[in-house]
C-alpha atoms as a PDB file:
ATOM      1  CA  MET A   1      92.006  74.732 102.138  1.00  0.00           C
ATOM      2  CA  PHE A   2      92.707  71.003 101.859  1.00  0.00           C
ATOM      3  CA  THR A   3      90.790  70.891  98.573  1.00  0.00           C
ATOM      4  CA  ALA A   4      93.039  73.629  97.177  1.00  0.00           C
ATOM      5  CA  LEU A   5      96.218  71.821  98.289  1.00  0.00           C
ATOM      6  CA  ALA A   6      95.038  68.544  96.776  1.00  0.00           C
ATOM      7  CA  LEU A   7      94.358  70.201  93.425  1.00  0.00           C
ATOM      8  CA  ILE A   8      97.758  71.898  93.459  1.00  0.00           C
ATOM      9  CA  ALA A   9      99.458  68.556  94.132  1.00  0.00           C
ATOM     10  CA  LEU A  10      97.465  66.931  91.303  1.00  0.00           C
ATOM     11  CA  ALA A  11      98.465  69.681  88.891  1.00  0.00           C
ATOM     12  CA  GLN A  12     102.148  69.311  89.795  1.00  0.00           C
ATOM     13  CA  THR A  13     102.199  65.539  89.311  1.00  0.00           C
ATOM     14  CA  SER A  14     100.208  65.622  86.072  1.00  0.00           C
ATOM     15  CA  GLY A  15     101.983  68.611  84.521  1.00  0.00           C
ATOM     16  CA  ALA A  16      98.641  70.300  83.878  1.00  0.00           C
ATOM     17  CA  ASP A  17      98.367  74.050  83.369  1.00  0.00           C
ATOM     18  CA  VAL A  18      95.949  74.902  86.177  1.00  0.00           C
ATOM     19  CA  LYS A  19      93.512  77.673  85.260  1.00  0.00           C
ATOM     20  CA  LEU A  20      90.563  77.028  87.543  1.00  0.00           C
ATOM     21  CA  ILE A  21      90.442  75.954  91.195  1.00  0.00           C
ATOM     22  CA  PRO A  22      87.347  75.614  93.426  1.00  0.00           C
ATOM     23  CA  VAL A  23      87.561  76.375  97.150  1.00  0.00           C
ATOM     24  CA  VAL A  24      85.194  75.816 100.078  1.00  0.00           C
ATOM     25  CA  ALA A  25      85.972  77.352 103.482  1.00  0.00           C
ATOM     26  CA  PRO A  26      84.245  78.534 106.678  1.00  0.00           C
ATOM     27  CA  ALA A  27      84.511  82.038 108.111  1.00  0.00           C
ATOM     28  CA  TYR A  28      83.061  84.311 110.745  1.00  0.00           C
ATOM     29  CA  THR A  29      82.347  88.044 110.668  1.00  0.00           C
ATOM     30  CA  PRO A  30      80.529  90.222 113.224  1.00  0.00           C
ATOM     31  CA  GLU A  31      77.848  91.255 110.740  1.00  0.00           C
ATOM     32  CA  LEU A  32      77.227  87.854 109.073  1.00  0.00           C
ATOM     33  CA  GLY A  33      77.910  85.342 111.830  1.00  0.00           C
ATOM     34  CA  PHE A  34      79.375  81.982 110.865  1.00  0.00           C
ATOM     35  CA  LEU A  35      79.618  81.534 107.098  1.00  0.00           C
ATOM     36  CA  LEU A  36      80.199  78.777 104.615  1.00  0.00           C
ATOM     37  CA  ASN A  37      81.812  80.228 101.497  1.00  0.00           C
ATOM     38  CA  ALA A  38      82.224  78.421  98.186  1.00  0.00           C
ATOM     39  CA  GLY A  39      83.886  79.808  95.109  1.00  0.00           C
ATOM     40  CA  GLY A  40      86.614  79.549  92.575  1.00  0.00           C
ATOM     41  CA  VAL A  41      89.448  81.433  90.947  1.00  0.00           C
ATOM     42  CA  MET A  42      90.447  81.378  87.284  1.00  0.00           C
ATOM     43  CA  THR A  43      93.519  82.889  85.639  1.00  0.00           C
ATOM     44  CA  TRP A  44      94.505  83.262  82.005  1.00  0.00           C
ATOM     45  CA  ASN A  45      96.891  85.135  79.738  1.00  0.00           C
ATOM     46  CA  GLY A  46      95.094  88.259  78.543  1.00  0.00           C
ATOM     47  CA  ASP A  47      97.561  88.808  75.670  1.00  0.00           C
ATOM     48  CA  ALA A  48      98.999  85.692  74.043  1.00  0.00           C
ATOM     49  CA  ALA A  49     101.573  87.778  72.184  1.00  0.00           C
ATOM     50  CA  HIS A  50     103.091  88.848  75.521  1.00  0.00           C
ATOM     51  CA  PRO A  51     103.239  85.822  77.840  1.00  0.00           C
ATOM     52  CA  GLU A  52     105.424  87.758  80.298  1.00  0.00           C
ATOM     53  CA  LEU A  53     102.435  89.882  81.369  1.00  0.00           C
ATOM     54  CA  PRO A  54     100.764  89.203  84.716  1.00  0.00           C
ATOM     55  CA  ARG A  55      97.939  86.714  84.308  1.00  0.00           C
ATOM     56  CA  SER A  56      94.412  88.054  84.268  1.00  0.00           C
ATOM     57  CA  SER A  57      92.153  86.671  86.978  1.00  0.00           C
ATOM     58  CA  LEU A  58      88.508  86.222  87.917  1.00  0.00           C
ATOM     59  CA  ASN A  59      87.326  85.049  91.318  1.00  0.00           C
ATOM     60  CA  VAL A  60      83.819  84.335  92.554  1.00  0.00           C
ATOM     61  CA  VAL A  61      82.559  83.688  96.097  1.00  0.00           C
ATOM     62  CA  LEU A  62      79.072  82.593  97.202  1.00  0.00           C
ATOM     63  CA  GLY A  63      78.273  82.439 100.898  1.00  0.00           C
ATOM     64  CA  GLY A  64      75.542  81.883 103.429  1.00  0.00           C
ATOM     65  CA  GLY A  65      75.585  82.757 107.126  1.00  0.00           C
ATOM     66  CA  THR A  66      73.944  81.559 110.307  1.00  0.00           C
ATOM     67  CA  VAL A  67      72.159  84.902 110.768  1.00  0.00           C
ATOM     68  CA  GLY A  68      70.311  84.386 107.491  1.00  0.00           C
ATOM     69  CA  ALA A  69      72.710  86.347 105.294  1.00  0.00           C
ATOM     70  CA  PHE A  70      73.578  85.597 101.677  1.00  0.00           C
ATOM     71  CA  LEU A  71      76.380  87.096  99.603  1.00  0.00           C
ATOM     72  CA  PHE A  72      77.904  87.066  96.144  1.00  0.00           C
ATOM     73  CA  GLN A  73      81.299  88.594  95.393  1.00  0.00           C
ATOM     74  CA  SER A  74      83.344  88.675  92.222  1.00  0.00           C
ATOM     75  CA  ARG A  75      86.553  90.419  91.165  1.00  0.00           C
ATOM     76  CA  LEU A  76      87.926  90.725  87.621  1.00  0.00           C
ATOM     77  CA  VAL A  77      91.471  91.940  86.879  1.00  0.00           C
ATOM     78  CA  THR A  78      92.728  91.929  83.276  1.00  0.00           C
ATOM     79  CA  PHE A  79      95.938  92.956  81.493  1.00  0.00           C
ATOM     80  CA  LEU A  80      95.419  93.502  77.767  1.00  0.00           C
ATOM     81  CA  GLN A  81      97.278  94.846  74.707  1.00  0.00           C
ATOM     82  CA  ASN A  82     100.769  94.519  76.190  1.00  0.00           C
ATOM     83  CA  ASP A  83      99.342  95.960  79.424  1.00  0.00           C
ATOM     84  CA  ASP A  84      98.375  99.206  77.674  1.00  0.00           C
ATOM     85  CA  THR A  85      94.762  98.466  78.664  1.00  0.00           C
ATOM     86  CA  ARG A  86      93.410  97.204  81.945  1.00  0.00           C
ATOM     87  CA  ILE A  87      89.797  96.329  82.684  1.00  0.00           C
ATOM     88  CA  ASN A  88      88.961  95.750  86.337  1.00  0.00           C
ATOM     89  CA  ALA A  89      85.568  95.162  87.881  1.00  0.00           C
ATOM     90  CA  GLY A  90      84.042  94.331  91.224  1.00  0.00           C
ATOM     91  CA  VAL A  91      80.566  92.987  91.960  1.00  0.00           C
ATOM     92  CA  ASP A  92      79.081  92.684  95.464  1.00  0.00           C
ATOM     93  CA  VAL A  93      75.502  91.628  96.264  1.00  0.00           C
ATOM     94  CA  ARG A  94      74.271  90.928  99.799  1.00  0.00           C
ATOM     95  CA  ASP A  95      71.027  90.314 101.626  1.00  0.00           C
ATOM     96  CA  GLN A  96      71.453  90.325 105.390  1.00  0.00           C
ATOM     97  CA  PRO A  97      70.161  91.375 108.780  1.00  0.00           C
ATOM     98  CA  ASP A  98      72.025  94.570 109.545  1.00  0.00           C
ATOM     99  CA  HIS A  99      72.564  97.306 112.077  1.00  0.00           C
ATOM    100  CA  PHE A 100      72.736 101.035 111.435  1.00  0.00           C
ATOM    101  CA  PHE A 101      74.590 102.856 114.198  1.00  0.00           C
ATOM    102  CA  GLY A 102      74.329 106.347 112.750  1.00  0.00           C
ATOM    103  CA  THR A 103      77.321 108.434 111.715  1.00  0.00           C
ATOM    104  CA  GLY A 104      80.558 109.220 113.482  1.00  0.00           C
ATOM    105  CA  PHE A 105      82.852 107.437 115.896  1.00  0.00           C
ATOM    106  CA  THR A 106      80.716 108.082 118.985  1.00  0.00           C
ATOM    107  CA  ASN A 107      77.581 106.462 117.549  1.00  0.00           C
ATOM    108  CA  GLY A 108      79.537 103.514 116.214  1.00  0.00           C
ATOM    109  CA  PHE A 109      81.308 102.884 119.499  1.00  0.00           C
ATOM    110  CA  THR A 110      78.586 103.608 122.049  1.00  0.00           C
ATOM    111  CA  ARG A 111      75.228 102.872 120.411  1.00  0.00           C
ATOM    112  CA  PRO A 112      74.090  99.435 121.614  1.00  0.00           C
ATOM    113  CA  ILE A 113      72.935  96.716 119.257  1.00  0.00           C
ATOM    114  CA  GLY A 114      69.233  95.997 119.734  1.00  0.00           C
ATOM    115  CA  ARG A 115      66.048  95.622 117.754  1.00  0.00           C
ATOM    116  CA  GLU A 116      64.547  98.740 119.301  1.00  0.00           C
ATOM    117  CA  THR A 117      67.401 100.980 118.231  1.00  0.00           C
ATOM    118  CA  THR A 118      69.419  99.672 115.294  1.00  0.00           C
ATOM    119  CA  TYR A 119      68.009  96.477 113.806  1.00  0.00           C
ATOM    120  CA  PHE A 120      66.842  96.142 110.196  1.00  0.00           C
ATOM    121  CA  ARG A 121      67.317  93.926 107.134  1.00  0.00           C
ATOM    122  CA  ARG A 122      69.151  95.253 104.090  1.00  0.00           C
ATOM    123  CA  THR A 123      69.699  94.207 100.493  1.00  0.00           C
ATOM    124  CA  TRP A 124      72.556  96.049  98.846  1.00  0.00           C
ATOM    125  CA  TRP A 125      74.610  95.811  95.691  1.00  0.00           C
ATOM    126  CA  ASN A 126      77.601  97.445  94.060  1.00  0.00           C
ATOM    127  CA  VAL A 127      78.848  97.008  90.493  1.00  0.00           C
ATOM    128  CA  GLU A 128      81.998  98.969  89.714  1.00  0.00           C
ATOM    129  CA  PRO A 129      83.892  98.470  86.413  1.00  0.00           C
ATOM    130  CA  THR A 130      87.045 100.478  85.648  1.00  0.00           C
ATOM    131  CA  LEU A 131      88.720 101.002  82.265  1.00  0.00           C
ATOM    132  CA  LEU A 132      92.380 102.085  82.378  1.00  0.00           C
ATOM    133  CA  ARG A 133      94.676 103.152  79.531  1.00  0.00           C
ATOM    134  CA  ARG A 134      98.411 103.705  79.742  1.00  0.00           C
ATOM    135  CA  VAL A 135      99.321 107.407  79.610  1.00  0.00           C
ATOM    136  CA  LEU A 136     103.088 107.180  79.980  1.00  0.00           C
ATOM    137  CA  GLY A 137     105.221 104.405  81.426  1.00  0.00           C
ATOM    138  CA  PRO A 138     103.580 103.198  84.669  1.00  0.00           C
ATOM    139  CA  LEU A 139     101.002 106.040  84.638  1.00  0.00           C
ATOM    140  CA  TYR A 140      97.407 105.083  83.753  1.00  0.00           C
ATOM    141  CA  GLY A 141      94.262 107.136  83.361  1.00  0.00           C
ATOM    142  CA  GLY A 142      90.742 105.855  83.185  1.00  0.00           C
ATOM    143  CA  VAL A 143      87.017 105.951  83.757  1.00  0.00           C
ATOM    144  CA  VAL A 144      85.080 104.392  86.629  1.00  0.00           C
ATOM    145  CA  LEU A 145      81.382 103.531  86.574  1.00  0.00           C
ATOM    146  CA  GLN A 146      79.419 102.700  89.704  1.00  0.00           C
ATOM    147  CA  LEU A 147      75.941 101.242  90.025  1.00  0.00           C
ATOM    148  CA  SER A 148      74.974 100.685  93.624  1.00  0.00           C
ATOM    149  CA  GLY A 149      72.008 100.782  95.911  1.00  0.00           C
ATOM    150  CA  ALA A 150      70.445  99.668  99.159  1.00  0.00           C
ATOM    151  CA  VAL A 151      66.944  98.648 100.198  1.00  0.00           C
ATOM    152  CA  ALA A 152      66.221  98.475 103.943  1.00  0.00           C
ATOM    153  CA  ARG A 153      63.317  96.425 105.263  1.00  0.00           C
ATOM    154  CA  GLU A 154      61.923  95.729 108.747  1.00  0.00           C
ATOM    155  CA  VAL A 155      63.315  99.081 109.822  1.00  0.00           C
ATOM    156  CA  SER A 156      63.194  99.699 113.567  1.00  0.00           C
ATOM    157  CA  ALA A 157      61.914 102.928 115.073  1.00  0.00           C
ATOM    158  CA  GLY A 158      65.438 103.836 116.136  1.00  0.00           C
ATOM    159  CA  VAL A 159      66.856 103.526 112.629  1.00  0.00           C
ATOM    160  CA  ALA A 160      63.889 105.318 111.036  1.00  0.00           C
ATOM    161  CA  ALA A 161      64.360 108.258 113.402  1.00  0.00           C
ATOM    162  CA  ASP A 162      68.095 108.597 112.823  1.00  0.00           C
ATOM    163  CA  PRO A 163      68.683 111.877 110.920  1.00  0.00           C
ATOM    164  CA  ALA A 164      71.211 110.356 108.499  1.00  0.00           C
ATOM    165  CA  PHE A 165      68.823 107.523 107.605  1.00  0.00           C
ATOM    166  CA  ALA A 166      65.633 109.603 107.551  1.00  0.00           C
ATOM    167  CA  ARG A 167      67.059 112.115 105.075  1.00  0.00           C
ATOM    168  CA  HIS A 168      67.068 109.551 102.248  1.00  0.00           C
ATOM    169  CA  GLY A 169      64.775 106.813 103.516  1.00  0.00           C
ATOM    170  CA  SER A 170      64.929 103.075 103.094  1.00  0.00           C
ATOM    171  CA  THR A 171      65.689 102.967  99.356  1.00  0.00           C
ATOM    172  CA  VAL A 172      68.861 104.447  97.880  1.00  0.00           C
ATOM    173  CA  LEU A 173      69.956 104.251  94.232  1.00  0.00           C
ATOM    174  CA  ASN A 174      73.349 105.497  93.079  1.00  0.00           C
ATOM    175  CA  THR A 175      74.508 105.832  89.494  1.00  0.00           C
ATOM    176  CA  GLY A 176      77.811 107.581  88.997  1.00  0.00           C
ATOM    177  CA  VAL A 177      80.818 108.083  86.796  1.00  0.00           C
ATOM    178  CA  GLY A 178      84.340 108.947  87.813  1.00  0.00           C
ATOM    179  CA  LEU A 179      87.866 109.678  86.644  1.00  0.00           C
ATOM    180  CA  THR A 180      90.932 107.954  88.017  1.00  0.00           C
ATOM    181  CA  LEU A 181      94.686 108.451  87.702  1.00  0.00           C
ATOM    182  CA  GLN A 182      97.025 105.666  88.789  1.00  0.00           C
ATOM    183  CA  LEU A 183     100.791 105.338  89.048  1.00  0.00           C
ATOM    184  CA  ASP A 184     101.487 101.615  89.263  1.00  0.00           C
ATOM    185  CA  THR A 185     104.980 100.075  89.495  1.00  0.00           C
ATOM    186  CA  ARG A 186     103.907  96.840  91.221  1.00  0.00           C
ATOM    187  CA  ASP A 187     105.468  93.668  89.829  1.00  0.00           C
ATOM    188  CA  VAL A 188     102.197  91.706  90.008  1.00  0.00           C
ATOM    189  CA  PRO A 189      99.240  93.987  90.821  1.00  0.00           C
ATOM    190  CA  ILE A 190      97.013  91.276  92.327  1.00  0.00           C
ATOM    191  CA  ASN A 191      99.744  90.143  94.752  1.00  0.00           C
ATOM    192  CA  ALA A 192     102.696  92.505  94.726  1.00  0.00           C
ATOM    193  CA  TRP A 193     106.080  91.692  96.244  1.00  0.00           C
ATOM    194  CA  LYS A 194     107.578  95.048  95.316  1.00  0.00           C
ATOM    195  CA  GLY A 195     106.513  98.364  93.824  1.00  0.00           C
ATOM    196  CA  VAL A 196     104.137 101.267  94.477  1.00  0.00           C
ATOM    197  CA  LEU A 197     100.532 102.165  93.675  1.00  0.00           C
ATOM    198  CA  LEU A 198      99.356 105.772  93.872  1.00  0.00           C
ATOM    199  CA  SER A 199      95.701 106.201  92.932  1.00  0.00           C
ATOM    200  CA  LEU A 200      93.505 109.324  92.898  1.00  0.00           C
ATOM    201  CA  THR A 201      89.812 109.013  91.990  1.00  0.00           C
ATOM    202  CA  TRP A 202      86.904 111.426  91.729  1.00  0.00           C
ATOM    203  CA  SER A 203      83.339 110.106  91.353  1.00  0.00           C
ATOM    204  CA  GLY A 204      80.106 112.030  90.834  1.00  0.00           C
ATOM    205  CA  PHE A 205      76.512 110.852  91.307  1.00  0.00           C
ATOM    206  CA  GLY A 206      73.380 112.649  90.186  1.00  0.00           C
ATOM    207  CA  ARG A 207      69.757 112.406  89.162  1.00  0.00           C
ATOM    208  CA  ALA A 208      70.716 113.048  85.561  1.00  0.00           C
ATOM    209  CA  LEU A 209      72.568 109.711  85.652  1.00  0.00           C
ATOM    210  CA  GLY A 210      69.687 107.845  87.310  1.00  0.00           C
ATOM    211  CA  ALA A 211      70.579 108.284  90.971  1.00  0.00           C
ATOM    212  CA  ASN A 212      68.077 109.617  93.506  1.00  0.00           C
ATOM    213  CA  THR A 213      70.537 111.989  95.176  1.00  0.00           C
ATOM    214  CA  GLU A 214      73.340 114.396  94.227  1.00  0.00           C
ATOM    215  CA  TRP A 215      76.826 113.948  95.684  1.00  0.00           C
ATOM    216  CA  HIS A 216      80.469 113.278  94.859  1.00  0.00           C
ATOM    217  CA  ALA A 217      83.514 111.655  96.470  1.00  0.00           C
ATOM    218  CA  VAL A 218      87.297 111.919  96.327  1.00  0.00           C
ATOM    219  CA  SER A 219      89.540 109.009  97.268  1.00  0.00           C
ATOM    220  CA  PHE A 220      93.293 108.514  97.516  1.00  0.00           C
ATOM    221  CA  ASP A 221      95.085 105.182  97.857  1.00  0.00           C
ATOM    222  CA  TYR A 222      98.823 104.746  98.487  1.00  0.00           C
ATOM    223  CA  ARG A 223     100.271 101.234  98.637  1.00  0.00           C
ATOM    224  CA  HIS A 224     103.939 100.308  98.930  1.00  0.00           C
ATOM    225  CA  TYR A 225     105.575  96.872  98.787  1.00  0.00           C
ATOM    226  CA  VAL A 226     109.163  96.003  99.722  1.00  0.00           C
ATOM    227  CA  GLN A 227     110.743  92.590  99.254  1.00  0.00           C
ATOM    228  CA  LEU A 228     112.707  91.547 102.348  1.00  0.00           C
ATOM    229  CA  PHE A 229     115.406  88.868 102.417  1.00  0.00           C
ATOM    230  CA  ARG A 230     113.986  86.787  99.559  1.00  0.00           C
ATOM    231  CA  ARG A 231     111.079  86.346  97.160  1.00  0.00           C
ATOM    232  CA  GLY A 232     107.797  85.826  98.971  1.00  0.00           C
ATOM    233  CA  SER A 233     108.857  87.822 102.043  1.00  0.00           C
ATOM    234  CA  THR A 234     107.075  91.151 101.709  1.00  0.00           C
ATOM    235  CA  LEU A 235     106.575  94.199 103.891  1.00  0.00           C
ATOM    236  CA  ALA A 236     103.562  96.169 102.662  1.00  0.00           C
ATOM    237  CA  TRP A 237     101.785  99.277 103.845  1.00  0.00           C
ATOM    238  CA  GLU A 238      98.739 101.232 102.737  1.00  0.00           C
ATOM    239  CA  VAL A 239      97.264 104.657 103.438  1.00  0.00           C
ATOM    240  CA  LYS A 240      93.700 105.115 102.183  1.00  0.00           C
ATOM    241  CA  TYR A 241      91.545 108.250 102.325  1.00  0.00           C
ATOM    242  CA  ARG A 242      87.988 108.921 101.157  1.00  0.00           C
ATOM    243  CA  SER A 243      85.776 111.963 101.609  1.00  0.00           C
ATOM    244  CA  ALA A 244      82.223 112.434 100.323  1.00  0.00           C
ATOM    245  CA  PHE A 245      80.503 115.777  99.705  1.00  0.00           C
ATOM    246  CA  GLY A 246      76.970 116.946  98.990  1.00  0.00           C
ATOM    247  CA  ASP A 247      73.750 115.086  99.752  1.00  0.00           C
ATOM    248  CA  VAL A 248      75.503 111.809 100.620  1.00  0.00           C
ATOM    249  CA  PRO A 249      73.099 108.933 101.395  1.00  0.00           C
ATOM    250  CA  TRP A 250      73.579 106.846 104.539  1.00  0.00           C
ATOM    251  CA  SER A 251      74.642 103.805 102.511  1.00  0.00           C
ATOM    252  CA  GLU A 252      77.489 105.650 100.742  1.00  0.00           C
ATOM    253  CA  LEU A 253      79.264 107.333 103.619  1.00  0.00           C
ATOM    254  CA  SER A 254      82.970 106.566 103.991  1.00  0.00           C
ATOM    255  CA  GLN A 255      83.617 103.498 106.130  1.00  0.00           C
ATOM    256  CA  VAL A 256      86.563 102.330 108.230  1.00  0.00           C
ATOM    257  CA  GLY A 257      86.903  98.774 109.503  1.00  0.00           C
ATOM    258  CA  THR A 258      85.916  96.732 106.454  1.00  0.00           C
ATOM    259  CA  PRO A 259      87.041  93.256 105.300  1.00  0.00           C
ATOM    260  CA  PHE A 260      89.416  95.043 102.903  1.00  0.00           C
ATOM    261  CA  ASP A 261      91.338  97.224 105.350  1.00  0.00           C
ATOM    262  CA  LEU A 262      91.486  96.770 109.151  1.00  0.00           C
ATOM    263  CA  ARG A 263      89.619  93.426 109.048  1.00  0.00           C
ATOM    264  CA  ALA A 264      88.552  93.580 112.677  1.00  0.00           C
ATOM    265  CA  TYR A 265      85.207  95.409 112.921  1.00  0.00           C
ATOM    266  CA  ARG A 266      81.578  95.034 111.976  1.00  0.00           C
ATOM    267  CA  TRP A 267      81.307  96.252 108.388  1.00  0.00           C
ATOM    268  CA  GLY A 268      79.297  99.496 108.449  1.00  0.00           C
ATOM    269  CA  GLN A 269      79.553 100.162 112.171  1.00  0.00           C
ATOM    270  CA  TYR A 270      81.924 103.105 111.676  1.00  0.00           C
ATOM    271  CA  ARG A 271      80.961 105.534 108.926  1.00  0.00           C
ATOM    272  CA  ASP A 272      81.043 109.270 108.276  1.00  0.00           C
ATOM    273  CA  ARG A 273      81.713 111.642 105.427  1.00  0.00           C
ATOM    274  CA  THR A 274      85.474 111.126 105.698  1.00  0.00           C
ATOM    275  CA  GLY A 275      87.513 108.031 106.497  1.00  0.00           C
ATOM    276  CA  LEU A 276      91.291 107.591 106.773  1.00  0.00           C
ATOM    277  CA  MET A 277      93.117 104.315 107.360  1.00  0.00           C
ATOM    278  CA  ALA A 278      96.808 103.345 107.652  1.00  0.00           C
ATOM    279  CA  LEU A 279      97.971  99.726 107.728  1.00  0.00           C
ATOM    280  CA  LEU A 280     101.289  97.856 107.911  1.00  0.00           C
ATOM    281  CA  GLU A 281     101.404  94.168 106.926  1.00  0.00           C
ATOM    282  CA  TYR A 282     104.103  91.490 106.637  1.00  0.00           C
ATOM    283  CA  ARG A 283     103.574  88.485 104.352  1.00  0.00           C
ATOM    284  CA  PHE A 284     105.768  85.402 104.346  1.00  0.00           C
ATOM    285  CA  MET A 285     105.520  82.413 102.015  1.00  0.00           C
ATOM    286  CA  LEU A 286     107.255  79.323 103.439  1.00  0.00           C
ATOM    287  CA  PRO A 287     110.836  78.919 102.119  1.00  0.00           C
ATOM    288  CA  PHE A 288     110.516  75.559 100.380  1.00  0.00           C
ATOM    289  CA  ALA A 289     111.476  74.676  96.818  1.00  0.00           C
ATOM    290  CA  GLU A 290     108.885  75.693  94.237  1.00  0.00           C
ATOM    291  CA  GLU A 291     108.106  72.067  93.403  1.00  0.00           C
ATOM    292  CA  SER A 292     107.211  71.408  97.051  1.00  0.00           C
ATOM    293  CA  LEU A 293     103.594  71.481  98.127  1.00  0.00           C
ATOM    294  CA  TRP A 294     104.598  73.416 101.271  1.00  0.00           C
ATOM    295  CA  SER A 295     105.939  76.322  99.206  1.00  0.00           C
ATOM    296  CA  HIS A 296     102.291  77.228  98.513  1.00  0.00           C
ATOM    297  CA  LEU A 297     101.620  77.989 102.185  1.00  0.00           C
ATOM    298  CA  GLY A 298     102.267  81.292 103.891  1.00  0.00           C
ATOM    299  CA  VAL A 299     101.344  83.518 106.812  1.00  0.00           C
ATOM    300  CA  ALA A 300     100.651  87.213 107.310  1.00  0.00           C
ATOM    301  CA  GLY A 301     100.396  89.668 110.180  1.00  0.00           C
ATOM    302  CA  TRP A 302      99.210  93.266 110.265  1.00  0.00           C
ATOM    303  CA  GLY A 303      98.466  96.270 112.422  1.00  0.00           C
ATOM    304  CA  GLY A 304      96.723  99.520 111.624  1.00  0.00           C
ATOM    305  CA  VAL A 305      94.530 102.419 112.705  1.00  0.00           C
ATOM    306  CA  GLY A 306      91.537 104.235 111.291  1.00  0.00           C
ATOM    307  CA  VAL A 307      89.820 107.574 111.946  1.00  0.00           C
ATOM    308  CA  LEU A 308      86.585 109.260 110.854  1.00  0.00           C
ATOM    309  CA  GLY A 309      85.332 112.817 110.417  1.00  0.00           C
ATOM    310  CA  SER A 310      82.309 114.863 109.362  1.00  0.00           C
ATOM    311  CA  THR A 311      84.500 117.260 107.339  1.00  0.00           C
ATOM    312  CA  ALA A 312      87.314 116.695 104.865  1.00  0.00           C
ATOM    313  CA  LEU A 313      89.744 116.467 107.804  1.00  0.00           C
ATOM    314  CA  PRO A 314      89.066 113.472 110.099  1.00  0.00           C
ATOM    315  CA  ASP A 315      89.158 113.553 113.891  1.00  0.00           C
ATOM    316  CA  PHE A 316      92.533 112.152 114.988  1.00  0.00           C
ATOM    317  CA  THR A 317      91.617 112.087 118.704  1.00  0.00           C
ATOM    318  CA  ARG A 318      89.381 109.013 118.350  1.00  0.00           C
ATOM    319  CA  VAL A 319      91.216 106.100 116.816  1.00  0.00           C
ATOM    320  CA  LEU A 320      90.136 102.609 115.767  1.00  0.00           C
ATOM    321  CA  PRO A 321      93.118 100.254 116.221  1.00  0.00           C
ATOM    322  CA  ALA A 322      93.379  96.800 114.666  1.00  0.00           C
ATOM    323  CA  ALA A 323      95.813  93.905 114.500  1.00  0.00           C
ATOM    324  CA  GLY A 324      95.612  90.418 113.091  1.00  0.00           C
ATOM    325  CA  PHE A 325      97.213  87.401 111.475  1.00  0.00           C
ATOM    326  CA  GLY A 326      96.299  85.086 108.645  1.00  0.00           C
ATOM    327  CA  LEU A 327      96.977  81.963 106.619  1.00  0.00           C
ATOM    328  CA  ARG A 328      97.761  82.059 102.901  1.00  0.00           C
ATOM    329  CA  VAL A 329      97.397  79.285 100.309  1.00  0.00           C
ATOM    330  CA  GLU A 330      98.762  79.949  96.822  1.00  0.00           C
ATOM    331  CA  LEU A 331      96.240  78.333  94.490  1.00  0.00           C
ATOM    332  CA  LEU A 332      97.962  79.442  91.299  1.00  0.00           C
ATOM    333  CA  LYS A 333     101.191  81.374  90.863  1.00  0.00           C
ATOM    334  CA  ARG A 334     100.771  84.628  92.851  1.00  0.00           C
ATOM    335  CA  VAL A 335      97.042  83.946  93.304  1.00  0.00           C
ATOM    336  CA  THR A 336      96.221  83.281  96.947  1.00  0.00           C
ATOM    337  CA  VAL A 337      93.237  82.517  99.108  1.00  0.00           C
ATOM    338  CA  ARG A 338      93.417  83.982 102.616  1.00  0.00           C
ATOM    339  CA  LEU A 339      91.949  83.266 106.020  1.00  0.00           C
ATOM    340  CA  ASP A 340      92.416  86.300 108.294  1.00  0.00           C
ATOM    341  CA  VAL A 341      91.719  86.747 112.013  1.00  0.00           C
ATOM    342  CA  GLY A 342      91.491  90.388 113.122  1.00  0.00           C
ATOM    343  CA  PHE A 343      91.157  92.021 116.552  1.00  0.00           C
ATOM    344  CA  GLY A 344      89.936  95.564 117.133  1.00  0.00           C
ATOM    345  CA  ARG A 345      88.483  97.741 119.836  1.00  0.00           C
ATOM    346  CA  ASP A 346      85.923  95.440 121.503  1.00  0.00           C
ATOM    347  CA  SER A 347      85.665  93.553 118.211  1.00  0.00           C
ATOM    348  CA  ARG A 348      87.070  90.588 116.301  1.00  0.00           C
ATOM    349  CA  ALA A 349      86.433  88.905 112.955  1.00  0.00           C
ATOM    350  CA  ILE A 350      87.528  86.015 110.727  1.00  0.00           C
ATOM    351  CA  TYR A 351      87.545  86.525 106.966  1.00  0.00           C
ATOM    352  CA  PHE A 352      87.921  84.177 104.014  1.00  0.00           C
ATOM    353  CA  ASN A 353      88.543  85.649 100.587  1.00  0.00           C
ATOM    354  CA  PHE A 354      90.594  85.438  97.406  1.00  0.00           C
ATOM    355  CA  LEU A 355      93.633  87.667  96.841  1.00  0.00           C
ATOM    356  CA  GLU A 356      95.242  89.945  99.380  1.00  0.00           C
ATOM    357  CA  ALA A 357      93.285  92.721 101.078  1.00  0.00           C
ATOM    358  CA  PHE A 358      95.521  95.251  99.299  1.00  0.00           C
END
């Protein structure tokens, strides 16, 4: 954090146009233990003929944890051709000790962590580029590709005997293609202060595409941002739904309680065919003049709930609550790095990452 603030101060005094900033920060998550993350964020104008467009961005994070985990994350967001074209992509690669609790709320909540029942080591990856083209006004349509997979090693007898795991075994490969429709009125998509995102996506995976199983998924994402009192004071909420159908592998079930939604649970502890999450968050950048170093600092607080289900309709009688708060540092204009502390049902976590969770 202090490195980021020092670079911002240097850029302000020198008049430089900052495009790249490195960051090093610690974190803690239930699944990875204590982490040291290092990375950087870069922004640029994706269309020089239209400098009023939001700046395109690329961020990269490398991390290592005390439990012997390693991770690589990267996010690309671009605005091209007067924002008629958008190319977004996410890359996640991890190698870590892991725990598989089975499917459903009951298994996730009651199954104890232990080498005899749930312990194994997993390497997994996900590469997901999206191409969007403007259809009309703020309405975009596009194509999504997904290449993902998981390889489990040192599998315990308990995990090997779990029906959801045994059906597909220790190696899963997914290759899929999808269609997406998005209505996007956000002022700055990577860190909105006002506007709405409505997104509907269908993705299909099959052996004909190179996967080793046949299944498909439907997801819906609604995000709303309202500016309160002044610029930088934002009330935001999100409702996210995903349901998977067919021969869905254990690694691709819908999950609730990730670093990108409730931010309070062990990633992967709660999974089933269907997941639904609702979240309310308030973000506040400190009210100092733009030329002040302190204007780049902010805070956030959130609360939310999540539910799971084995059919398209989740079970609303068993709820995963979450609440938390966080620190924000604006590295570049509307590009933040965040440190979040979340508290859930018998769970807590600390996350470091670039950009807002939603």
